[in-house]
N, C-alpha and C. Protein backbone atom coordinates (compact mmCIF):
# COMPACT_ATOMS: atom_id res chain seq x y z
N MET A 1 1.01 -1.37 0.11
CA MET A 1 0.00 0.06 -0.05
C MET A 1 0.84 1.30 0.02
N ILE A 2 1.86 1.29 0.85
CA ILE A 2 2.69 2.53 0.87
C ILE A 2 3.43 2.48 -0.34
N ALA A 3 4.03 1.48 -1.00
CA ALA A 3 4.76 1.65 -2.38
C ALA A 3 3.74 2.15 -3.43
N ARG A 4 2.56 1.83 -3.38
CA ARG A 4 1.73 2.38 -4.49
C ARG A 4 1.37 3.70 -4.08
N PHE A 5 1.19 4.21 -2.97
CA PHE A 5 1.03 5.53 -2.83
C PHE A 5 2.26 6.40 -2.93
N THR A 6 3.56 5.93 -2.61
CA THR A 6 4.63 6.54 -3.04
C THR A 6 4.78 6.75 -4.54
N PHE A 7 4.59 5.67 -5.39
CA PHE A 7 4.64 5.60 -6.63
C PHE A 7 3.76 6.50 -7.24
N LEU A 8 2.54 6.78 -6.59
CA LEU A 8 1.42 7.79 -7.25
C LEU A 8 2.05 9.14 -6.78
N ILE A 9 2.55 9.36 -5.72
CA ILE A 9 3.07 10.75 -5.63
C ILE A 9 4.08 10.90 -6.70
N VAL A 10 5.05 10.27 -6.65
CA VAL A 10 6.18 10.44 -7.58
C VAL A 10 5.64 10.55 -9.01
N LEU A 11 4.47 9.85 -9.53
CA LEU A 11 4.09 9.82 -10.81
C LEU A 11 3.35 11.38 -11.02
N LEU A 12 2.50 11.75 -9.96
CA LEU A 12 2.08 13.07 -10.22
C LEU A 12 2.78 14.18 -10.06
N SER A 13 4.20 14.08 -9.45
CA SER A 13 5.07 15.07 -9.27
C SER A 13 5.60 15.35 -10.79
N PHE A 14 5.96 14.10 -11.30
CA PHE A 14 6.63 14.11 -12.58
C PHE A 14 5.56 14.86 -13.56
N VAL A 15 4.29 14.54 -13.71
CA VAL A 15 3.37 14.87 -14.40
C VAL A 15 3.06 16.47 -14.24
N MET A 16 3.03 16.95 -13.17
CA MET A 16 2.82 18.34 -12.79
C MET A 16 3.99 19.19 -13.03
N SER A 17 5.26 18.66 -12.97
CA SER A 17 6.51 19.56 -13.55
C SER A 17 6.61 19.79 -14.74
N CYS A 18 5.82 18.94 -15.78
CA CYS A 18 6.29 19.10 -17.29
C CYS A 18 5.55 20.24 -17.93
N ASP A 19 6.19 20.77 -18.71
CA ASP A 19 5.74 22.14 -19.50
C ASP A 19 4.56 21.61 -20.27
N PRO A 20 3.54 22.43 -20.33
CA PRO A 20 2.43 22.31 -21.22
C PRO A 20 2.77 22.19 -22.58
N VAL A 21 2.01 21.31 -23.31
CA VAL A 21 2.24 21.20 -24.81
C VAL A 21 1.64 22.46 -25.38
N GLY A 22 2.56 23.06 -26.30
CA GLY A 22 2.45 24.23 -27.04
C GLY A 22 3.79 24.90 -27.13
N ASN A 23 3.56 26.54 -26.99
CA ASN A 23 4.83 27.06 -27.17
C ASN A 23 5.81 27.12 -25.90
N SER A 24 7.10 27.44 -26.25
CA SER A 24 7.90 27.30 -25.20
C SER A 24 7.84 28.78 -24.61
N PRO A 25 8.58 28.84 -23.34
CA PRO A 25 8.52 30.19 -22.65
C PRO A 25 9.13 31.19 -23.67
N GLU A 26 10.14 31.01 -24.43
CA GLU A 26 10.80 31.79 -25.28
C GLU A 26 9.94 32.31 -26.29
N GLN A 27 9.21 31.51 -26.88
CA GLN A 27 8.27 31.74 -28.03
C GLN A 27 7.07 32.36 -27.42
N ASP A 28 6.56 32.31 -26.07
CA ASP A 28 5.54 33.24 -25.70
C ASP A 28 6.17 34.62 -25.47
N LYS A 29 7.38 34.66 -24.99
CA LYS A 29 7.87 35.97 -24.80
C LYS A 29 7.80 36.68 -26.07
N GLN A 30 8.51 36.20 -27.17
CA GLN A 30 8.60 36.66 -28.56
C GLN A 30 7.26 37.27 -28.99
N GLN A 31 6.16 36.40 -28.76
CA GLN A 31 4.84 36.87 -29.25
C GLN A 31 4.35 37.95 -28.40
N ASN A 32 4.60 38.06 -27.18
CA ASN A 32 4.26 39.18 -26.29
C ASN A 32 5.10 40.55 -26.67
N GLU A 33 6.19 40.50 -27.20
CA GLU A 33 6.93 41.84 -27.58
C GLU A 33 6.26 42.47 -28.50
N ARG A 34 6.09 43.74 -28.57
CA ARG A 34 5.59 44.46 -29.62
C ARG A 34 6.60 44.74 -30.61
N ILE A 35 6.10 44.82 -31.91
CA ILE A 35 7.09 45.13 -33.12
C ILE A 35 6.56 46.51 -33.50
N PRO A 36 7.55 47.37 -33.70
CA PRO A 36 7.14 48.74 -34.08
C PRO A 36 6.63 48.53 -35.64
N THR A 37 5.69 49.54 -36.00
CA THR A 37 5.07 49.75 -37.38
C THR A 37 6.05 50.48 -38.16
N GLN A 38 6.80 51.34 -37.15
CA GLN A 38 7.66 52.22 -38.21
C GLN A 38 9.11 52.55 -37.20
N GLU A 39 10.10 52.69 -37.57
CA GLU A 39 11.22 53.19 -36.83
C GLU A 39 11.89 54.10 -37.58
N SER A 40 12.61 55.08 -36.80
CA SER A 40 13.33 56.24 -37.49
C SER A 40 14.43 56.60 -36.52
N TRP A 41 15.59 56.85 -37.22
CA TRP A 41 16.83 57.22 -36.45
C TRP A 41 17.01 58.77 -36.65
N ASN A 42 17.26 59.55 -35.87
CA ASN A 42 17.39 60.89 -35.54
C ASN A 42 16.29 61.64 -36.18
N PRO A 43 15.05 61.47 -35.96
CA PRO A 43 13.88 61.71 -36.32
C PRO A 43 13.53 63.35 -35.86
N THR A 44 12.76 64.10 -36.57
CA THR A 44 12.29 65.41 -35.89
C THR A 44 10.75 65.23 -36.25
N ILE A 45 9.90 65.32 -35.20
CA ILE A 45 8.68 65.32 -35.26
C ILE A 45 7.94 66.72 -34.83
N ARG A 46 7.05 67.21 -35.64
CA ARG A 46 6.73 68.52 -35.34
C ARG A 46 4.91 68.46 -34.85
N ILE A 47 4.70 69.04 -33.72
CA ILE A 47 3.30 69.03 -33.37
C ILE A 47 2.87 70.38 -33.31
N ASN A 48 1.57 70.48 -34.13
CA ASN A 48 0.99 71.85 -34.44
C ASN A 48 -0.22 71.83 -33.91
N SER A 49 -0.64 73.05 -33.29
CA SER A 49 -1.90 73.26 -32.58
C SER A 49 -2.43 74.77 -32.92
N VAL A 50 -3.61 74.74 -33.40
CA VAL A 50 -4.25 75.75 -34.12
C VAL A 50 -3.47 76.29 -35.29
N GLY A 51 -2.82 75.52 -36.13
CA GLY A 51 -2.14 76.14 -37.35
C GLY A 51 -0.70 76.71 -37.06
N LYS A 52 -0.28 76.42 -35.89
CA LYS A 52 0.97 76.81 -35.40
C LYS A 52 1.80 75.77 -34.83
N GLU A 53 3.10 75.77 -35.15
CA GLU A 53 3.99 74.84 -34.45
C GLU A 53 4.08 75.00 -32.92
N THR A 54 3.82 74.19 -32.03
CA THR A 54 3.83 74.34 -30.56
C THR A 54 5.07 73.51 -30.10
N VAL A 55 5.45 72.28 -30.74
CA VAL A 55 6.34 71.61 -30.19
C VAL A 55 7.20 70.94 -31.41
N GLN A 56 8.58 70.71 -31.03
CA GLN A 56 9.30 70.04 -32.13
C GLN A 56 9.93 69.08 -31.19
N ALA A 57 10.07 67.61 -31.54
CA ALA A 57 10.57 66.72 -30.90
C ALA A 57 11.68 65.77 -31.73
N ARG A 58 12.72 65.77 -30.90
CA ARG A 58 13.96 65.03 -31.69
C ARG A 58 14.52 63.71 -30.88
N ALA A 59 15.14 62.79 -31.30
CA ALA A 59 15.74 61.84 -30.75
C ALA A 59 16.65 61.05 -31.35
N ALA A 60 17.69 60.34 -30.88
CA ALA A 60 18.38 59.23 -31.50
C ALA A 60 17.66 58.39 -32.48
N TYR A 61 16.50 57.98 -31.76
CA TYR A 61 15.92 56.79 -32.36
C TYR A 61 14.27 56.99 -31.90
N SER A 62 13.29 56.57 -32.65
CA SER A 62 11.99 56.51 -32.38
C SER A 62 11.14 55.26 -32.80
N ALA A 63 10.38 54.79 -32.29
CA ALA A 63 9.61 53.68 -32.81
C ALA A 63 8.04 54.07 -32.82
N ASN A 64 7.52 53.76 -33.68
CA ASN A 64 5.98 54.03 -33.86
C ASN A 64 5.24 52.55 -33.56
N TYR A 65 4.22 52.56 -32.66
CA TYR A 65 3.56 51.45 -32.38
C TYR A 65 1.87 51.65 -32.50
N ASP A 66 1.26 50.57 -32.83
CA ASP A 66 -0.23 50.85 -33.24
C ASP A 66 -1.15 50.38 -31.97
N ASN A 67 -0.65 49.50 -31.18
CA ASN A 67 -1.69 48.81 -30.16
C ASN A 67 -0.63 48.82 -28.86
N PRO A 68 -0.86 49.80 -28.03
CA PRO A 68 -1.59 51.03 -28.09
C PRO A 68 -0.91 51.93 -29.05
N LYS A 69 -1.47 53.14 -29.48
CA LYS A 69 -0.86 53.92 -30.47
C LYS A 69 0.01 54.99 -29.61
N GLU A 70 1.19 54.72 -29.88
CA GLU A 70 2.37 55.63 -29.25
C GLU A 70 3.48 55.68 -30.08
N ILE A 71 4.32 56.85 -29.70
CA ILE A 71 5.67 56.79 -30.17
C ILE A 71 6.66 56.92 -29.00
N VAL A 72 7.64 56.02 -29.27
CA VAL A 72 8.76 55.92 -28.17
C VAL A 72 10.04 56.44 -28.70
N PHE A 73 10.61 57.32 -27.82
CA PHE A 73 11.74 57.90 -28.18
C PHE A 73 12.98 57.57 -27.30
N ILE A 74 14.20 57.19 -27.76
CA ILE A 74 15.24 56.69 -26.98
C ILE A 74 16.56 57.29 -27.46
N GLY A 75 17.22 57.99 -26.41
CA GLY A 75 18.52 58.57 -26.60
C GLY A 75 18.42 59.96 -27.17
N LYS A 76 18.95 60.96 -26.50
CA LYS A 76 19.13 62.46 -26.66
C LYS A 76 17.59 62.95 -26.97
N VAL A 77 16.89 62.65 -26.17
CA VAL A 77 15.38 63.17 -26.37
C VAL A 77 15.58 64.65 -26.08
N GLN A 78 14.82 65.33 -27.14
CA GLN A 78 14.85 66.99 -26.87
C GLN A 78 13.36 67.48 -27.43
N LEU A 79 12.63 68.10 -26.49
CA LEU A 79 11.37 68.73 -27.19
C LEU A 79 11.86 70.33 -27.04
N ASP A 80 11.50 70.88 -28.21
CA ASP A 80 11.49 72.41 -28.20
C ASP A 80 10.03 73.08 -28.37
N PHE A 81 9.70 74.06 -27.33
CA PHE A 81 8.54 74.43 -27.01
C PHE A 81 8.43 75.87 -27.70
N PHE A 82 7.31 76.29 -28.38
CA PHE A 82 7.13 77.48 -28.94
C PHE A 82 5.95 78.27 -28.30
N ASP A 83 5.96 79.48 -28.16
CA ASP A 83 4.93 80.20 -27.59
C ASP A 83 3.67 80.55 -28.68
N GLN A 84 2.77 81.15 -28.26
CA GLN A 84 1.68 81.35 -29.14
C GLN A 84 1.75 82.35 -30.29
N ASN A 85 2.98 82.99 -30.48
CA ASN A 85 3.46 83.51 -31.47
C ASN A 85 4.36 82.96 -32.40
N GLY A 86 4.64 81.71 -31.91
CA GLY A 86 5.56 80.83 -32.71
C GLY A 86 7.03 81.06 -32.37
N ALA A 87 7.40 81.99 -31.28
CA ALA A 87 8.75 82.09 -30.71
C ALA A 87 9.22 80.93 -30.12
N HIS A 88 10.39 80.44 -30.09
CA HIS A 88 10.85 79.42 -29.10
C HIS A 88 10.77 79.96 -27.67
N SER A 89 10.31 79.19 -26.69
CA SER A 89 10.34 79.49 -25.48
C SER A 89 10.96 78.59 -24.31
N SER A 90 11.21 77.40 -24.79
CA SER A 90 12.01 76.32 -23.91
C SER A 90 12.32 75.24 -24.63
N THR A 91 13.38 74.58 -23.84
CA THR A 91 13.85 73.32 -24.40
C THR A 91 13.52 72.21 -23.17
N MET A 92 13.21 71.06 -23.47
CA MET A 92 13.17 69.94 -22.72
C MET A 92 14.03 68.64 -23.21
N THR A 93 15.05 68.43 -22.31
CA THR A 93 15.68 67.19 -22.59
C THR A 93 15.56 65.97 -21.72
N ALA A 94 15.65 64.76 -22.20
CA ALA A 94 15.66 63.58 -21.18
C ALA A 94 16.06 62.45 -21.86
N ASP A 95 16.44 61.38 -21.29
CA ASP A 95 16.94 59.89 -21.81
C ASP A 95 16.10 59.25 -22.72
N THR A 96 14.71 59.54 -22.39
CA THR A 96 13.71 58.60 -23.05
C THR A 96 12.39 59.48 -22.94
N GLY A 97 11.62 59.11 -24.00
CA GLY A 97 10.27 59.66 -24.01
C GLY A 97 9.13 58.99 -24.61
N ARG A 98 7.90 59.36 -24.51
CA ARG A 98 6.93 58.39 -24.94
C ARG A 98 5.63 59.40 -25.29
N ILE A 99 5.07 59.34 -26.40
CA ILE A 99 4.03 60.02 -26.67
C ILE A 99 2.58 59.13 -26.81
N ASP A 100 1.79 59.22 -25.89
CA ASP A 100 0.53 58.59 -25.85
C ASP A 100 -0.37 59.21 -26.77
N ASP A 101 -0.60 58.84 -27.90
CA ASP A 101 -1.46 59.32 -28.97
C ASP A 101 -2.89 59.65 -28.38
N LYS A 102 -3.40 58.64 -27.92
CA LYS A 102 -4.79 58.67 -27.37
C LYS A 102 -4.97 59.87 -26.29
N ARG A 103 -4.02 59.95 -25.30
CA ARG A 103 -4.36 60.98 -24.38
C ARG A 103 -3.61 62.22 -24.51
N HIS A 104 -2.71 62.62 -25.77
CA HIS A 104 -2.09 63.52 -26.04
C HIS A 104 -1.15 63.96 -24.89
N LEU A 105 -0.28 62.92 -24.48
CA LEU A 105 0.62 62.99 -23.25
C LEU A 105 2.00 62.59 -23.62
N PHE A 106 2.82 63.54 -23.35
CA PHE A 106 4.28 63.12 -23.66
C PHE A 106 4.89 62.87 -22.08
N THR A 107 5.57 61.83 -22.07
CA THR A 107 6.18 61.36 -20.76
C THR A 107 7.59 61.44 -21.08
N ALA A 108 8.42 62.10 -20.45
CA ALA A 108 9.77 62.26 -20.54
C ALA A 108 10.57 61.58 -19.14
N THR A 109 11.35 60.73 -19.31
CA THR A 109 11.98 59.82 -18.10
C THR A 109 13.69 59.98 -18.23
N GLY A 110 14.26 60.17 -17.33
CA GLY A 110 15.50 59.80 -17.13
C GLY A 110 16.24 61.36 -17.30
N ASN A 111 16.91 61.90 -16.20
CA ASN A 111 17.69 63.07 -16.40
C ASN A 111 16.90 64.16 -17.14
N VAL A 112 15.65 64.38 -16.56
CA VAL A 112 14.83 65.38 -17.43
C VAL A 112 15.28 66.78 -16.98
N PHE A 113 15.31 67.60 -18.06
CA PHE A 113 15.84 69.03 -17.75
C PHE A 113 15.05 70.07 -18.57
N VAL A 114 14.55 71.09 -18.13
CA VAL A 114 14.03 72.05 -18.80
C VAL A 114 14.49 73.37 -18.70
N ALA A 115 14.95 74.19 -19.74
CA ALA A 115 15.43 75.19 -19.73
C ALA A 115 14.75 76.20 -20.51
N ALA A 116 14.21 77.37 -19.82
CA ALA A 116 13.41 78.22 -20.53
C ALA A 116 14.09 79.36 -20.97
N ASP A 117 13.86 79.95 -22.21
CA ASP A 117 14.67 80.94 -22.64
C ASP A 117 14.88 82.15 -21.73
N SER A 118 13.99 82.24 -20.77
CA SER A 118 14.02 83.35 -19.72
C SER A 118 15.26 83.24 -18.77
N GLY A 119 15.73 82.01 -18.81
CA GLY A 119 16.77 81.66 -17.78
C GLY A 119 16.45 80.73 -16.70
N MET A 120 15.17 80.33 -16.40
CA MET A 120 14.77 79.44 -15.26
C MET A 120 15.14 78.03 -15.95
N THR A 121 15.33 77.15 -14.99
CA THR A 121 15.70 75.75 -15.33
C THR A 121 14.86 74.94 -14.38
N LEU A 122 14.57 73.62 -14.72
CA LEU A 122 13.79 72.69 -14.09
C LEU A 122 14.60 71.26 -14.18
N SER A 123 14.71 70.64 -13.03
CA SER A 123 15.30 69.28 -13.10
C SER A 123 14.48 68.32 -12.38
N THR A 124 14.25 67.13 -12.92
CA THR A 124 13.47 66.08 -12.20
C THR A 124 13.81 64.75 -12.92
N CYS A 125 13.22 63.72 -12.60
CA CYS A 125 13.41 62.36 -13.01
C CYS A 125 12.21 61.99 -14.06
N ILE A 126 10.89 62.46 -13.87
CA ILE A 126 9.87 62.14 -14.88
C ILE A 126 9.10 63.59 -14.98
N LEU A 127 8.70 63.72 -16.11
CA LEU A 127 7.96 65.12 -16.42
C LEU A 127 6.90 64.59 -17.58
N TYR A 128 5.73 65.25 -17.34
CA TYR A 128 4.71 64.97 -18.40
C TYR A 128 4.27 66.11 -18.90
N TRP A 129 4.14 66.31 -20.33
CA TRP A 129 3.64 67.46 -20.96
C TRP A 129 2.15 67.08 -21.61
N ASN A 130 1.21 67.87 -21.26
CA ASN A 130 -0.23 67.51 -21.57
C ASN A 130 -0.43 68.49 -22.70
N GLU A 131 -0.43 67.99 -24.10
CA GLU A 131 -0.79 68.80 -25.09
C GLU A 131 -2.00 69.62 -25.16
N ASN A 132 -3.14 68.98 -24.63
CA ASN A 132 -4.26 69.74 -24.53
C ASN A 132 -4.32 70.82 -23.52
N GLN A 133 -3.52 70.64 -22.42
CA GLN A 133 -3.76 71.72 -21.45
C GLN A 133 -2.46 72.83 -21.65
N GLU A 134 -1.54 72.27 -22.53
CA GLU A 134 -0.25 73.06 -22.72
C GLU A 134 0.45 73.32 -21.32
N SER A 135 0.57 72.16 -20.43
CA SER A 135 1.23 72.24 -19.28
C SER A 135 2.27 71.15 -19.14
N ILE A 136 3.24 71.35 -18.10
CA ILE A 136 4.20 70.16 -17.99
C ILE A 136 3.79 70.01 -16.37
N TYR A 137 3.99 68.78 -15.89
CA TYR A 137 3.93 68.50 -14.53
C TYR A 137 4.51 67.23 -14.12
N THR A 138 4.87 66.94 -12.76
CA THR A 138 5.31 65.92 -12.27
C THR A 138 4.93 65.59 -10.96
N ASP A 139 4.90 64.57 -10.15
CA ASP A 139 4.61 64.14 -8.76
C ASP A 139 5.91 63.90 -8.10
N GLN A 140 6.98 63.96 -8.75
CA GLN A 140 8.48 63.36 -8.41
C GLN A 140 9.24 64.86 -7.77
N SER A 141 10.46 64.61 -7.10
CA SER A 141 11.04 65.61 -6.61
C SER A 141 11.64 66.52 -7.83
N ILE A 142 11.64 67.69 -7.46
CA ILE A 142 12.33 68.69 -8.53
C ILE A 142 13.12 69.72 -8.04
N ILE A 143 14.14 70.37 -8.95
CA ILE A 143 14.96 71.54 -8.54
C ILE A 143 14.49 72.59 -9.42
N LEU A 144 14.00 73.72 -9.01
CA LEU A 144 13.78 74.80 -9.92
C LEU A 144 14.81 75.75 -9.67
N THR A 145 15.44 76.36 -10.76
CA THR A 145 16.34 77.42 -10.49
C THR A 145 15.88 78.68 -11.19
N THR A 146 15.74 79.94 -10.59
CA THR A 146 15.22 81.07 -10.96
C THR A 146 16.63 82.03 -10.92
N ASP A 147 16.23 83.13 -11.23
CA ASP A 147 17.41 84.36 -11.30
C ASP A 147 18.04 84.55 -9.92
N THR A 148 17.32 84.36 -8.97
CA THR A 148 17.50 84.63 -7.41
C THR A 148 17.44 83.40 -6.38
N ASP A 149 17.09 82.26 -7.03
CA ASP A 149 16.90 81.27 -5.99
C ASP A 149 17.18 79.91 -6.63
N THR A 150 17.22 78.99 -6.06
CA THR A 150 17.17 77.53 -6.13
C THR A 150 16.22 76.80 -5.26
N LEU A 151 15.16 76.38 -5.82
CA LEU A 151 13.86 75.98 -5.13
C LEU A 151 13.74 74.49 -5.32
N TYR A 152 13.42 73.77 -4.08
CA TYR A 152 13.39 72.45 -4.25
C TYR A 152 12.02 71.90 -3.74
N GLY A 153 11.38 70.74 -4.13
CA GLY A 153 10.07 70.24 -3.73
C GLY A 153 9.65 69.09 -4.29
N VAL A 154 8.64 68.64 -4.19
CA VAL A 154 7.89 67.30 -4.76
C VAL A 154 6.66 67.87 -5.38
N GLY A 155 6.57 67.67 -6.67
CA GLY A 155 5.23 67.86 -7.34
C GLY A 155 5.49 69.41 -7.94
N PHE A 156 5.14 69.46 -9.20
CA PHE A 156 5.30 70.63 -9.98
C PHE A 156 4.40 70.76 -11.17
N GLU A 157 3.97 72.13 -11.53
CA GLU A 157 2.87 72.27 -12.54
C GLU A 157 3.44 73.49 -13.00
N SER A 158 3.26 73.73 -14.38
CA SER A 158 3.89 74.82 -15.06
C SER A 158 3.37 74.97 -16.64
N ASP A 159 3.33 76.04 -17.06
CA ASP A 159 3.29 76.22 -18.56
C ASP A 159 4.65 75.63 -19.16
N ALA A 160 4.85 75.35 -20.49
CA ALA A 160 6.30 74.85 -20.90
C ALA A 160 7.34 76.00 -20.83
N ASN A 161 6.82 77.20 -20.92
CA ASN A 161 7.92 78.17 -20.74
C ASN A 161 8.54 78.60 -19.19
N LEU A 162 7.87 77.90 -18.39
CA LEU A 162 8.15 78.05 -16.99
C LEU A 162 7.87 79.54 -16.51
N GLU A 163 6.81 80.14 -16.95
CA GLU A 163 6.36 81.55 -16.50
C GLU A 163 5.22 81.49 -15.26
N HIS A 164 4.35 80.48 -15.37
CA HIS A 164 3.42 80.56 -14.13
C HIS A 164 3.47 78.98 -13.56
N TRP A 165 4.27 78.75 -12.56
CA TRP A 165 4.37 77.60 -11.88
C TRP A 165 3.95 77.44 -10.65
N THR A 166 3.84 76.32 -10.08
CA THR A 166 3.63 75.69 -8.73
C THR A 166 4.16 74.62 -8.25
N ILE A 167 4.80 74.86 -7.04
CA ILE A 167 5.79 73.52 -6.44
C ILE A 167 4.37 73.15 -5.43
N THR A 168 3.95 72.00 -5.58
CA THR A 168 3.09 71.32 -4.70
C THR A 168 3.69 71.29 -3.11
N GLN A 169 4.72 70.76 -3.03
CA GLN A 169 5.35 70.39 -1.72
C GLN A 169 6.60 70.90 -1.55
N PRO A 170 6.74 72.44 -1.36
CA PRO A 170 8.18 72.92 -1.38
C PRO A 170 8.78 72.41 -0.11
N THR A 171 10.17 72.31 -0.28
CA THR A 171 11.14 71.99 0.87
C THR A 171 12.30 72.78 0.74
N GLY A 172 12.99 72.92 2.07
CA GLY A 172 14.05 73.93 1.97
C GLY A 172 13.88 75.32 2.62
N VAL A 173 14.93 76.13 2.68
CA VAL A 173 14.75 77.30 3.22
C VAL A 173 15.36 78.38 2.30
N SER A 174 14.83 79.37 2.26
CA SER A 174 15.28 80.59 1.42
C SER A 174 15.76 81.71 2.27
N TYR A 175 16.88 82.25 2.05
CA TYR A 175 17.27 83.36 2.89
C TYR A 175 17.42 84.65 2.17
N ARG A 176 16.63 85.78 2.45
CA ARG A 176 16.79 87.04 1.69
C ARG A 176 16.61 88.14 2.44
N GLU A 177 17.33 89.12 2.19
CA GLU A 177 17.20 90.32 2.93
C GLU A 177 16.22 91.28 2.55
N PHE A 178 15.18 91.86 3.21
CA PHE A 178 14.32 92.74 2.86
C PHE A 178 14.63 94.26 3.10
N ASP A 179 14.52 95.02 2.37
CA ASP A 179 14.66 96.54 2.56
C ASP A 179 13.43 96.98 3.19
N HIS A 180 13.62 97.47 4.45
CA HIS A 180 12.40 97.72 5.45
C HIS A 180 12.22 99.36 5.46
N GLU A 181 11.73 99.86 4.33
CA GLU A 181 11.43 101.26 4.21
C GLU A 181 10.03 101.74 4.30
């Protein structure tokens, strides 16, 4: 009786440890990987709004996908923003980027840096640009440099040229002398 029970356990263990009939794990992985419908090296993509160029995106490499519909940018990602008059207002750089075509949302990741033509700069690790709202924002730590201060915080929202901005959770201390007249 014990011998039959032991044999049954060994047989069940053997059967349960076998891979199911069908694709190997490598084949399943290959089928789940997305294949781009279009690839470009050193592309320039122009985004127009109301008949005017609002953003110009460049990267070392880009890949377009259909499902979900998006463009992925890798290496030396740069977005140039233009104001309502068509004049250049700021530049965003990052390691990688992604345009979600459905939500009209650009996500910049890795060493994100925004330099406004006014001289203000912003550094963070992830930054979003919402095309419909014409705003940039993040919920990550930021460093904002103005003409007179370096500000720190978590969470940030602004227009792309860094003129009207808000730090959600500012941190640190600023020392200034005020003229008491």
